[in-house]
Amino acid sequence: METTSTSDAAKPLVEVADFRTDSRYRLVHFAGHGWEPLGPEELEPRIHQLFPDLDPHDPARVHWADRPWEWPAWHPGEA
């Protein structure tokens, strides 16, 4: 029989890793799905795909390691 502890219920469903300037992406961990590199235009659609009722701006459920909603500068054509 599985039980869910209150500490599990309080864990974020989405964790965004540290800001790094050597990539256009930020690594994002989705509970039950693992880590994915995502660009700014990909984050909210992916959250809604995996967790349709989750508010992407809920700090209790979406944890940013640092610099919330900031992404490394990147311009089309860069490697």
C-alpha atoms as a PDB file:
ATOM      1  CA  MET A   1       0.000   0.000   0.000  1.00  0.00           C
ATOM      2  CA  GLU A   2       1.475   3.350  -1.082  1.00  0.00           C
ATOM      3  CA  THR A   3       1.121   6.410   1.046  1.00  0.00           C
ATOM      4  CA  THR A   4       1.967   9.976   0.192  1.00  0.00           C
ATOM      5  CA  SER A   5       3.660  11.886   2.969  1.00  0.00           C
ATOM      6  CA  THR A   6       2.993  15.560   3.504  1.00  0.00           C
ATOM      7  CA  SER A   7       6.607  16.264   2.522  1.00  0.00           C
ATOM      8  CA  ASP A   8       5.970  14.630  -0.888  1.00  0.00           C
ATOM      9  CA  ALA A   9       2.849  16.715  -1.357  1.00  0.00           C
ATOM     10  CA  ALA A  10       4.867  19.870  -0.656  1.00  0.00           C
ATOM     11  CA  LYS A  11       7.615  19.064  -3.177  1.00  0.00           C
ATOM     12  CA  PRO A  12       7.607  21.134  -6.352  1.00  0.00           C
ATOM     13  CA  LEU A  13       6.324  19.361  -9.467  1.00  0.00           C
ATOM     14  CA  VAL A  14       8.717  21.395 -11.614  1.00  0.00           C
ATOM     15  CA  GLU A  15      12.297  22.407 -10.785  1.00  0.00           C
ATOM     16  CA  VAL A  16      14.278  24.786 -12.999  1.00  0.00           C
ATOM     17  CA  ALA A  17      18.062  24.384 -12.684  1.00  0.00           C
ATOM     18  CA  ASP A  18      20.686  27.124 -12.297  1.00  0.00           C
ATOM     19  CA  PHE A  19      21.029  29.858 -14.897  1.00  0.00           C
ATOM     20  CA  ARG A  20      24.013  29.200 -17.178  1.00  0.00           C
ATOM     21  CA  THR A  21      25.223  31.469 -19.928  1.00  0.00           C
ATOM     22  CA  ASP A  22      26.797  28.713 -22.029  1.00  0.00           C
ATOM     23  CA  SER A  23      23.477  27.416 -23.344  1.00  0.00           C
ATOM     24  CA  ARG A  24      20.215  28.898 -24.603  1.00  0.00           C
ATOM     25  CA  TYR A  25      18.336  26.369 -22.473  1.00  0.00           C
ATOM     26  CA  ARG A  26      17.661  25.799 -18.821  1.00  0.00           C
ATOM     27  CA  LEU A  27      17.391  22.282 -17.505  1.00  0.00           C
ATOM     28  CA  VAL A  28      13.945  21.590 -16.115  1.00  0.00           C
ATOM     29  CA  HIS A  29      12.939  18.611 -13.980  1.00  0.00           C
ATOM     30  CA  PHE A  30       9.357  17.419 -14.127  1.00  0.00           C
ATOM     31  CA  ALA A  31       8.238  15.118 -11.298  1.00  0.00           C
ATOM     32  CA  GLY A  32       7.892  11.606 -12.662  1.00  0.00           C
ATOM     33  CA  HIS A  33       9.414  12.529 -16.035  1.00  0.00           C
ATOM     34  CA  GLY A  34      13.064  13.529 -15.518  1.00  0.00           C
ATOM     35  CA  TRP A  35      15.163  16.453 -16.778  1.00  0.00           C
ATOM     36  CA  GLU A  36      14.693  18.261 -20.106  1.00  0.00           C
ATOM     37  CA  PRO A  37      16.546  21.218 -21.676  1.00  0.00           C
ATOM     38  CA  LEU A  38      13.940  23.845 -22.517  1.00  0.00           C
ATOM     39  CA  GLY A  39      13.944  27.307 -24.028  1.00  0.00           C
ATOM     40  CA  PRO A  40      11.708  30.109 -22.757  1.00  0.00           C
ATOM     41  CA  GLU A  41       9.006  29.458 -25.348  1.00  0.00           C
ATOM     42  CA  GLU A  42       8.866  25.758 -24.430  1.00  0.00           C
ATOM     43  CA  LEU A  43       8.475  25.877 -20.643  1.00  0.00           C
ATOM     44  CA  GLU A  44       4.819  26.801 -20.161  1.00  0.00           C
ATOM     45  CA  PRO A  45       3.471  24.530 -22.948  1.00  0.00           C
ATOM     46  CA  ARG A  46       5.438  21.596 -21.489  1.00  0.00           C
ATOM     47  CA  ILE A  47       4.162  22.300 -17.973  1.00  0.00           C
ATOM     48  CA  HIS A  48       0.578  22.368 -19.274  1.00  0.00           C
ATOM     49  CA  GLN A  49       1.155  19.165 -21.256  1.00  0.00           C
ATOM     50  CA  LEU A  50       2.359  17.239 -18.201  1.00  0.00           C
ATOM     51  CA  PHE A  51       0.341  19.003 -15.493  1.00  0.00           C
ATOM     52  CA  PRO A  52      -2.721  20.642 -17.122  1.00  0.00           C
ATOM     53  CA  ASP A  53      -4.007  22.284 -13.927  1.00  0.00           C
ATOM     54  CA  LEU A  54      -0.645  23.598 -12.683  1.00  0.00           C
ATOM     55  CA  ASP A  55      -0.103  27.362 -12.592  1.00  0.00           C
ATOM     56  CA  PRO A  56       3.439  27.917 -13.976  1.00  0.00           C
ATOM     57  CA  HIS A  57       3.773  30.975 -11.713  1.00  0.00           C
ATOM     58  CA  ASP A  58       2.998  29.089  -8.474  1.00  0.00           C
ATOM     59  CA  PRO A  59       6.292  29.241  -6.522  1.00  0.00           C
ATOM     60  CA  ALA A  60       5.209  26.370  -4.264  1.00  0.00           C
ATOM     61  CA  ARG A  61       4.887  23.983  -7.224  1.00  0.00           C
ATOM     62  CA  VAL A  62       7.416  25.456  -9.696  1.00  0.00           C
ATOM     63  CA  HIS A  63      10.814  26.017  -8.078  1.00  0.00           C
ATOM     64  CA  TRP A  64      13.547  28.089  -9.741  1.00  0.00           C
ATOM     65  CA  ALA A  65      17.111  27.529  -8.468  1.00  0.00           C
ATOM     66  CA  ASP A  66      17.855  31.169  -9.262  1.00  0.00           C
ATOM     67  CA  ARG A  67      16.798  34.060 -11.515  1.00  0.00           C
ATOM     68  CA  PRO A  68      13.128  33.104 -12.042  1.00  0.00           C
ATOM     69  CA  TRP A  69      11.831  33.545 -15.576  1.00  0.00           C
ATOM     70  CA  GLU A  70      15.266  34.608 -16.877  1.00  0.00           C
ATOM     71  CA  TRP A  71      16.907  32.772 -19.766  1.00  0.00           C
ATOM     72  CA  PRO A  72      20.397  33.021 -21.253  1.00  0.00           C
ATOM     73  CA  ALA A  73      20.687  35.439 -24.147  1.00  0.00           C
ATOM     74  CA  TRP A  74      20.512  33.672 -27.484  1.00  0.00           C
ATOM     75  CA  HIS A  75      19.999  34.851 -31.015  1.00  0.00           C
ATOM     76  CA  PRO A  76      18.895  32.724 -33.985  1.00  0.00           C
ATOM     77  CA  GLY A  77      21.880  31.490 -35.940  1.00  0.00           C
ATOM     78  CA  GLU A  78      24.097  31.062 -32.883  1.00  0.00           C
ATOM     79  CA  ALA A  79      25.409  27.586 -32.147  1.00  0.00           C
END
